């Protein structure tokens, strides 16, 4: 699965739990930036390593 952010084709490796919006799957770089907002919880996807091998 790809990152849900616009114009990003990296594999999604983190699920962001966003209290004021829908949860989303994003790549590690987007998770680092978006996860710094108050209330956002970054949850790494343990099965995402399989996506990288495809």
PDB file of N, CA and C in Angstrom:
ATOM      1  N   UNK A   1       0.844  -1.176   0.000  1.00  0.00           N
ATOM      2  CA  UNK A   1       0.000   0.000   0.000  1.00  0.00           C
ATOM      3  C   UNK A   1       0.890   1.241   0.000  1.00  0.00           C
ATOM      4  N   UNK A   2       0.476   2.241  -0.763  1.00  0.00           N
ATOM      5  CA  UNK A   2       1.255   3.479  -0.847  1.00  0.00           C
ATOM      6  C   UNK A   2       0.797   4.489   0.196  1.00  0.00           C
ATOM      7  N   UNK A   3       1.655   5.435   0.457  1.00  0.00           N
ATOM      8  CA  UNK A   3       1.378   6.546   1.365  1.00  0.00           C
ATOM      9  C   UNK A   3       0.131   7.289   0.887  1.00  0.00           C
ATOM     10  N   UNK A   4      -0.715   7.700   1.824  1.00  0.00           N
ATOM     11  CA  UNK A   4      -1.962   8.380   1.467  1.00  0.00           C
ATOM     12  C   UNK A   4      -1.784   9.874   1.194  1.00  0.00           C
ATOM     13  N   UNK A   5      -0.593  10.402   1.416  1.00  0.00           N
ATOM     14  CA  UNK A   5      -0.365  11.823   1.159  1.00  0.00           C
ATOM     15  C   UNK A   5      -0.245  12.074  -0.349  1.00  0.00           C
ATOM     16  N   UNK A   6      -0.725  13.231  -0.792  1.00  0.00           N
ATOM     17  CA  UNK A   6      -0.697  13.585  -2.206  1.00  0.00           C
ATOM     18  C   UNK A   6       0.719  13.570  -2.760  1.00  0.00           C
ATOM     19  N   UNK A   7       0.860  13.071  -3.980  1.00  0.00           N
ATOM     20  CA  UNK A   7       2.123  13.053  -4.719  1.00  0.00           C
ATOM     21  C   UNK A   7       3.239  12.281  -4.012  1.00  0.00           C
ATOM     22  N   UNK A   8       2.894  11.271  -3.227  1.00  0.00           N
ATOM     23  CA  UNK A   8       3.895  10.452  -2.562  1.00  0.00           C
ATOM     24  C   UNK A   8       3.680   9.001  -2.982  1.00  0.00           C
ATOM     25  N   UNK A   9       4.726   8.364  -3.477  1.00  0.00           N
ATOM     26  CA  UNK A   9       4.590   6.979  -3.920  1.00  0.00           C
ATOM     27  C   UNK A   9       5.391   6.007  -3.052  1.00  0.00           C
ATOM     28  N   UNK A  10       5.808   6.467  -1.870  1.00  0.00           N
ATOM     29  CA  UNK A  10       6.527   5.591  -0.941  1.00  0.00           C
ATOM     30  C   UNK A  10       5.556   4.602  -0.300  1.00  0.00           C
ATOM     31  N   UNK A  11       6.052   3.455   0.177  1.00  0.00           N
ATOM     32  CA  UNK A  11       5.171   2.499   0.861  1.00  0.00           C
ATOM     33  C   UNK A  11       4.719   3.040   2.220  1.00  0.00           C
ATOM     34  N   UNK A  12       3.467   2.771   2.550  1.00  0.00           N
ATOM     35  CA  UNK A  12       2.912   3.182   3.840  1.00  0.00           C
ATOM     36  C   UNK A  12       3.417   2.217   4.914  1.00  0.00           C
ATOM     37  N   UNK A  13       4.078   2.767   5.918  1.00  0.00           N
ATOM     38  CA  UNK A  13       4.639   1.938   6.984  1.00  0.00           C
ATOM     39  C   UNK A  13       4.111   2.310   8.366  1.00  0.00           C
ATOM     40  N   UNK A  14       3.321   3.393   8.445  1.00  0.00           N
ATOM     41  CA  UNK A  14       2.821   3.873   9.741  1.00  0.00           C
ATOM     42  C   UNK A  14       1.351   4.248   9.598  1.00  0.00           C
ATOM     43  N   UNK A  15       0.551   3.860  10.596  1.00  0.00           N
ATOM     44  CA  UNK A  15      -0.844   4.295  10.646  1.00  0.00           C
ATOM     45  C   UNK A  15      -0.920   5.461  11.614  1.00  0.00           C
ATOM     46  N   UNK A  16      -1.414   6.597  11.130  1.00  0.00           N
ATOM     47  CA  UNK A  16      -1.584   7.771  11.984  1.00  0.00           C
ATOM     48  C   UNK A  16      -3.015   7.820  12.487  1.00  0.00           C
ATOM     49  N   UNK A  17      -3.169   7.945  13.793  1.00  0.00           N
ATOM     50  CA  UNK A  17      -4.478   8.119  14.416  1.00  0.00           C
ATOM     51  C   UNK A  17      -4.634   9.625  14.645  1.00  0.00           C
ATOM     52  N   UNK A  18      -5.514  10.248  13.854  1.00  0.00           N
ATOM     53  CA  UNK A  18      -5.697  11.698  13.880  1.00  0.00           C
ATOM     54  C   UNK A  18      -7.066  11.997  14.487  1.00  0.00           C
ATOM     55  N   UNK A  19      -7.120  12.615  15.678  1.00  0.00           N
ATOM     56  CA  UNK A  19      -8.400  12.805  16.365  1.00  0.00           C
ATOM     57  C   UNK A  19      -9.382  13.718  15.631  1.00  0.00           C
ATOM     58  N   UNK A  20      -8.935  14.669  14.845  1.00  0.00           N
ATOM     59  CA  UNK A  20      -9.822  15.620  14.178  1.00  0.00           C
ATOM     60  C   UNK A  20     -10.078  15.264  12.715  1.00  0.00           C
ATOM     61  N   UNK A  21      -9.545  14.119  12.246  1.00  0.00           N
ATOM     62  CA  UNK A  21      -9.688  13.719  10.848  1.00  0.00           C
ATOM     63  C   UNK A  21      -9.680  12.189  10.790  1.00  0.00           C
ATOM     64  N   UNK A  22      -9.776  11.652   9.596  1.00  0.00           N
ATOM     65  CA  UNK A  22      -9.711  10.202   9.437  1.00  0.00           C
ATOM     66  C   UNK A  22      -8.291   9.702   9.695  1.00  0.00           C
ATOM     67  N   UNK A  23      -8.185   8.478  10.188  1.00  0.00           N
ATOM     68  CA  UNK A  23      -6.879   7.846  10.318  1.00  0.00           C
ATOM     69  C   UNK A  23      -6.321   7.632   8.920  1.00  0.00           C
ATOM     70  N   UNK A  24      -4.999   7.600   8.797  1.00  0.00           N
ATOM     71  CA  UNK A  24      -4.406   7.404   7.472  1.00  0.00           C
ATOM     72  C   UNK A  24      -3.118   6.620   7.561  1.00  0.00           C
ATOM     73  N   UNK A  25      -2.802   5.948   6.474  1.00  0.00           N
ATOM     74  CA  UNK A  25      -1.554   5.201   6.349  1.00  0.00           C
ATOM     75  C   UNK A  25      -0.566   6.058   5.580  1.00  0.00           C
ATOM     76  N   UNK A  26       0.612   6.254   6.167  1.00  0.00           N
ATOM     77  CA  UNK A  26       1.609   7.120   5.546  1.00  0.00           C
ATOM     78  C   UNK A  26       2.991   6.473   5.595  1.00  0.00           C
ATOM     79  N   UNK A  27       3.903   7.034   4.822  1.00  0.00           N
ATOM     80  CA  UNK A  27       5.290   6.576   4.816  1.00  0.00           C
ATOM     81  C   UNK A  27       6.010   7.133   6.057  1.00  0.00           C
ATOM     82  N   UNK A  28       7.182   6.626   6.327  1.00  0.00           N
ATOM     83  CA  UNK A  28       7.941   7.053   7.508  1.00  0.00           C
ATOM     84  C   UNK A  28       8.255   8.558   7.511  1.00  0.00           C
ATOM     85  N   UNK A  29       8.702   9.146   6.380  1.00  0.00           N
ATOM     86  CA  UNK A  29       8.977  10.589   6.418  1.00  0.00           C
ATOM     87  C   UNK A  29       7.735  11.427   6.743  1.00  0.00           C
ATOM     88  N   UNK A  30       6.586  11.085   6.167  1.00  0.00           N
ATOM     89  CA  UNK A  30       5.370  11.836   6.479  1.00  0.00           C
ATOM     90  C   UNK A  30       4.941  11.589   7.923  1.00  0.00           C
ATOM     91  N   UNK A  31       5.137  10.377   8.429  1.00  0.00           N
ATOM     92  CA  UNK A  31       4.788  10.081   9.815  1.00  0.00           C
ATOM     93  C   UNK A  31       5.615  10.918  10.774  1.00  0.00           C
ATOM     94  N   UNK A  32       6.884  11.118  10.456  1.00  0.00           N
ATOM     95  CA  UNK A  32       7.754  11.934  11.319  1.00  0.00           C
ATOM     96  C   UNK A  32       7.230  13.359  11.417  1.00  0.00           C
ATOM     97  N   UNK A  33       6.804  13.920  10.304  1.00  0.00           N
ATOM     98  CA  UNK A  33       6.334  15.308  10.288  1.00  0.00           C
ATOM     99  C   UNK A  33       4.936  15.419  10.894  1.00  0.00           C
ATOM    100  N   UNK A  34       4.008  14.608  10.392  1.00  0.00           N
ATOM    101  CA  UNK A  34       2.620  14.699  10.839  1.00  0.00           C
ATOM    102  C   UNK A  34       2.448  14.226  12.277  1.00  0.00           C
ATOM    103  N   UNK A  35       3.281  13.295  12.723  1.00  0.00           N
ATOM    104  CA  UNK A  35       3.189  12.763  14.074  1.00  0.00           C
ATOM    105  C   UNK A  35       3.591  13.751  15.157  1.00  0.00           C
ATOM    106  N   UNK A  36       4.145  14.894  14.777  1.00  0.00           N
ATOM    107  CA  UNK A  36       4.547  15.901  15.757  1.00  0.00           C
ATOM    108  C   UNK A  36       3.395  16.806  16.174  1.00  0.00           C
ATOM    109  N   UNK A  37       2.254  16.679  15.504  1.00  0.00           N
ATOM    110  CA  UNK A  37       1.092  17.500  15.855  1.00  0.00           C
ATOM    111  C   UNK A  37       0.452  16.957  17.132  1.00  0.00           C
ATOM    112  N   UNK A  38      -0.064  17.854  17.972  1.00  0.00           N
ATOM    113  CA  UNK A  38      -0.700  17.449  19.229  1.00  0.00           C
ATOM    114  C   UNK A  38      -1.866  16.505  18.967  1.00  0.00           C
ATOM    115  N   UNK A  39      -1.897  15.406  19.694  1.00  0.00           N
ATOM    116  CA  UNK A  39      -2.996  14.471  19.616  1.00  0.00           C
ATOM    117  C   UNK A  39      -2.845  13.369  18.585  1.00  0.00           C
ATOM    118  N   UNK A  40      -1.883  13.493  17.672  1.00  0.00           N
ATOM    119  CA  UNK A  40      -1.680  12.477  16.635  1.00  0.00           C
ATOM    120  C   UNK A  40      -0.817  11.358  17.210  1.00  0.00           C
ATOM    121  N   UNK A  41      -1.254  10.132  16.997  1.00  0.00           N
ATOM    122  CA  UNK A  41      -0.510   8.969  17.464  1.00  0.00           C
ATOM    123  C   UNK A  41      -0.048   8.169  16.251  1.00  0.00           C
ATOM    124  N   UNK A  42       1.255   7.936  16.169  1.00  0.00           N
ATOM    125  CA  UNK A  42       1.834   7.149  15.080  1.00  0.00           C
ATOM    126  C   UNK A  42       1.965   5.703  15.534  1.00  0.00           C
ATOM    127  N   UNK A  43       1.378   4.799  14.767  1.00  0.00           N
ATOM    128  CA  UNK A  43       1.378   3.375  15.096  1.00  0.00           C
ATOM    129  C   UNK A  43       2.072   2.626  13.958  1.00  0.00           C
ATOM    130  N   UNK A  44       3.329   2.204  14.153  1.00  0.00           N
ATOM    131  CA  UNK A  44       4.036   1.476  13.091  1.00  0.00           C
ATOM    132  C   UNK A  44       3.294   0.193  12.723  1.00  0.00           C
ATOM    133  N   UNK A  45       3.274  -0.106  11.448  1.00  0.00           N
ATOM    134  CA  UNK A  45       2.634  -1.337  10.954  1.00  0.00           C
ATOM    135  C   UNK A  45       3.684  -2.434  10.908  1.00  0.00           C
ATOM    136  N   UNK A  46       3.596  -3.429  11.786  1.00  0.00           N
ATOM    137  CA  UNK A  46       4.616  -4.492  11.814  1.00  0.00           C
ATOM    138  C   UNK A  46       4.655  -5.310  10.529  1.00  0.00           C
ATOM    139  N   UNK A  47       3.556  -5.399   9.803  1.00  0.00           N
ATOM    140  CA  UNK A  47       3.526  -6.167   8.565  1.00  0.00           C
ATOM    141  C   UNK A  47       3.981  -5.363   7.363  1.00  0.00           C
ATOM    142  N   UNK A  48       4.359  -4.094   7.559  1.00  0.00           N
ATOM    143  CA  UNK A  48       4.751  -3.240   6.430  1.00  0.00           C
ATOM    144  C   UNK A  48       6.062  -3.673   5.807  1.00  0.00           C
ATOM    145  N   UNK A  49       6.882  -4.430   6.503  1.00  0.00           N
ATOM    146  CA  UNK A  49       8.137  -4.918   5.920  1.00  0.00           C
ATOM    147  C   UNK A  49       7.846  -5.800   4.721  1.00  0.00           C
ATOM    148  N   UNK A  50       6.735  -6.520   4.736  1.00  0.00           N
ATOM    149  CA  UNK A  50       6.359  -7.352   3.597  1.00  0.00           C
ATOM    150  C   UNK A  50       6.077  -6.489   2.370  1.00  0.00           C
ATOM    151  N   UNK A  51       5.500  -5.289   2.559  1.00  0.00           N
ATOM    152  CA  UNK A  51       5.216  -4.389   1.446  1.00  0.00           C
ATOM    153  C   UNK A  51       6.485  -3.935   0.759  1.00  0.00           C
ATOM    154  N   UNK A  52       7.556  -3.788   1.515  1.00  0.00           N
ATOM    155  CA  UNK A  52       8.811  -3.312   0.950  1.00  0.00           C
ATOM    156  C   UNK A  52       9.449  -4.351   0.040  1.00  0.00           C
ATOM    157  N   UNK A  53       9.131  -5.623   0.247  1.00  0.00           N
ATOM    158  CA  UNK A  53       9.719  -6.685  -0.545  1.00  0.00           C
ATOM    159  C   UNK A  53       9.018  -6.890  -1.873  1.00  0.00           C
ATOM    160  N   UNK A  54       7.838  -6.336  -2.031  1.00  0.00           N
ATOM    161  CA  UNK A  54       7.070  -6.533  -3.261  1.00  0.00           C
ATOM    162  C   UNK A  54       7.562  -5.631  -4.371  1.00  0.00           C
TER     163      UNK A  54
END
